[in-house]
Every structure is written in C-alpha cells, then in structure tokens.
C-alpha cells in the first residue's frame, strides 16, 4: 500500500487484521512541497525510527494544501504537483503516503479530534515526527505540547524535526520559491538537492508553435511553478534519453493565454509525445516573459531564443541523447 486517500479509506484499512497498518506506524505530517533537503532529513528520521520499531513509515499530506484552502488564488505557487511530490517521497524510502482532503469538514476538527481520529484510531501511530511549530485543528488550537501530553497518556512518542541550514539560513519551500522567482537556479538546486525539475503529462496545445516554426510539447501547470520566462532546459524523455530544449513557462501573454503552462521546444527532436510523461529540468534563464505586438515579432524573438540557447549549450555542455 503506497498511497491511502482519505480518512475513510485509512480507517477501513487500519481496522482490518493483518493489513499494512495493523502494527501501527511511524508518521510525519507536512506539505512537503518540493521534497527539499530539509524534507529529506525529516523523511530519514521517520525511516530510521520505523526500522528501529519494525513498523511502516508514513508521510501525511493534504490536498489542497492548507494555505491554498484558506488563501485561494492568493496562495503561493507550488514547487511540485501532487504526483511528483508523491513519487519523490516514496523515492526516499518512505513506505506510504496518506493524503487527506483539506476541506470545511476537515478544518472543523478540534486538536483532540485530529489526534484521536487520524493519529490514534487511523494510523495507530507509535512515533510522530513534526516540527515544534506544528499547529493543527480548528483555530490551530493543537500544538507540539498537546501532542506530547496526549502521547504520554496514549503510548506514542513525539520527536521534533531536525533543521537543515545552507549558508546560515534554514532550507524551506518558501526560500526555494523566492530563489526561483529571482532566477537563482543554482541556489534553488542546492536547497532541493537537485536541479529544479517539473514532471508532467504532455497535452495538446493550440498548435500555434507549429505555424511559426517552433513546435512545442505542452504541460498544463495549474498552481504549479514560481518561474516565469524563457529558459534553457534539458528534458528526460519516456525512453530514458535526454534532449536539450528551450522552454517558456507562464501565461503566454502574446496569444492571450489564460492558464499557466509549460511549453518546451525540443532541439533536434522529431516525434510525438502526447499523453506521455516527461521531466523538464531548468538549466539557465534566457529572458523574461514578454507580450509582443504581433505574432511576427514573437516569431523573430523565438528564433533569437533558439540561437541564444544553442550558444549557451555549446559553452556549458549538451545533454542530448545521454542515457
């Protein structure tokens, strides 16, 4: 069992004999947006304790993320979508992800209600790893101290998360988001533990790129990605090969784009990728997103973008067809 969706499914599973959670678990709770170095350290804490106790490890996340529920369109953009986050958590050795829907019903939980229904009755938690600033329940009444007090009575322990710092500052999703918004790709990569990458399924676009000599593969982003502009990228293709590319990420103002999208022109590539998943890694910013007065102006700029991208790649190395 790698993904459990919803409290109902959790309780059905936990109340059956000889199931994944019948022995309880070690758990952590958070947004895990980006699954950065700080998150990875927390996941290591969870894995180590789960191994020590001989029980599964579980990471609990919420959809939508709480700030998205409360702030709506004013919430900050995500670093990763749910599927990419889920895959990243599992890649760090956690046994299971529990995804709970954050809605009006869930937000009305009292602090004790969350502990009793989710942690004790649902997860049968033996050990919990959370930050000492963790708040939960209606009006954020639940806190680290309450967890420890209840844990002493109910037989589970609570451990504070370890802090990871780089250059004297804590690694956080907010810090990574700010670095990306300022095109500090190298810093973002150091905080993440890898270059910033967006994974997604290729969808049909408006086919405009084909008419101006710049066909693209398109990924719809939703709330994803704090980047805006044109970038040199490398793309991991479904067959395991890699290809250099030029990506535009944003709203496409020249063609009245409404939804954030990622459009990638694959250099020296012929083929179709519709319906397949690719991974786009951002290597270098070329320019800001710009609204042009005409399609011809856009076409001329795209040609310059391709030329500038090839020049940068020539200086810094190509990833094309690497395995």
Foldseek 3Di string as FASTA:
>chain_A
DAEAEALVSLLVQCPDPPGQQVVFAEEEEDACQLVWPLNLQLLVVRVVVCVVVVHAYEYEHEVPHVCCAVPPPPDAFTLADDVVSSVVSVVSPHRYYYYHYDDPVQQQFAQVSCCVRPVCSRRVHAEYEEAQQDFGHHVSPDGPVNCQVVCVVVRHYYHYGDFDDDPRHTQDRVVLLVCQLVVVQVVNCVRRVHGRKYKAAFADDPQVCVVLVFAWTKGFAARHDSHAAKFWKWKQAPVRAIFTWIWGWQQQVQVRRDGTMIIIRTPPDDDDRHGHMMMIGGDGGDDGDDHDPDVVVVSVVVVVVVVVSVVVCVVVHTRGGPD
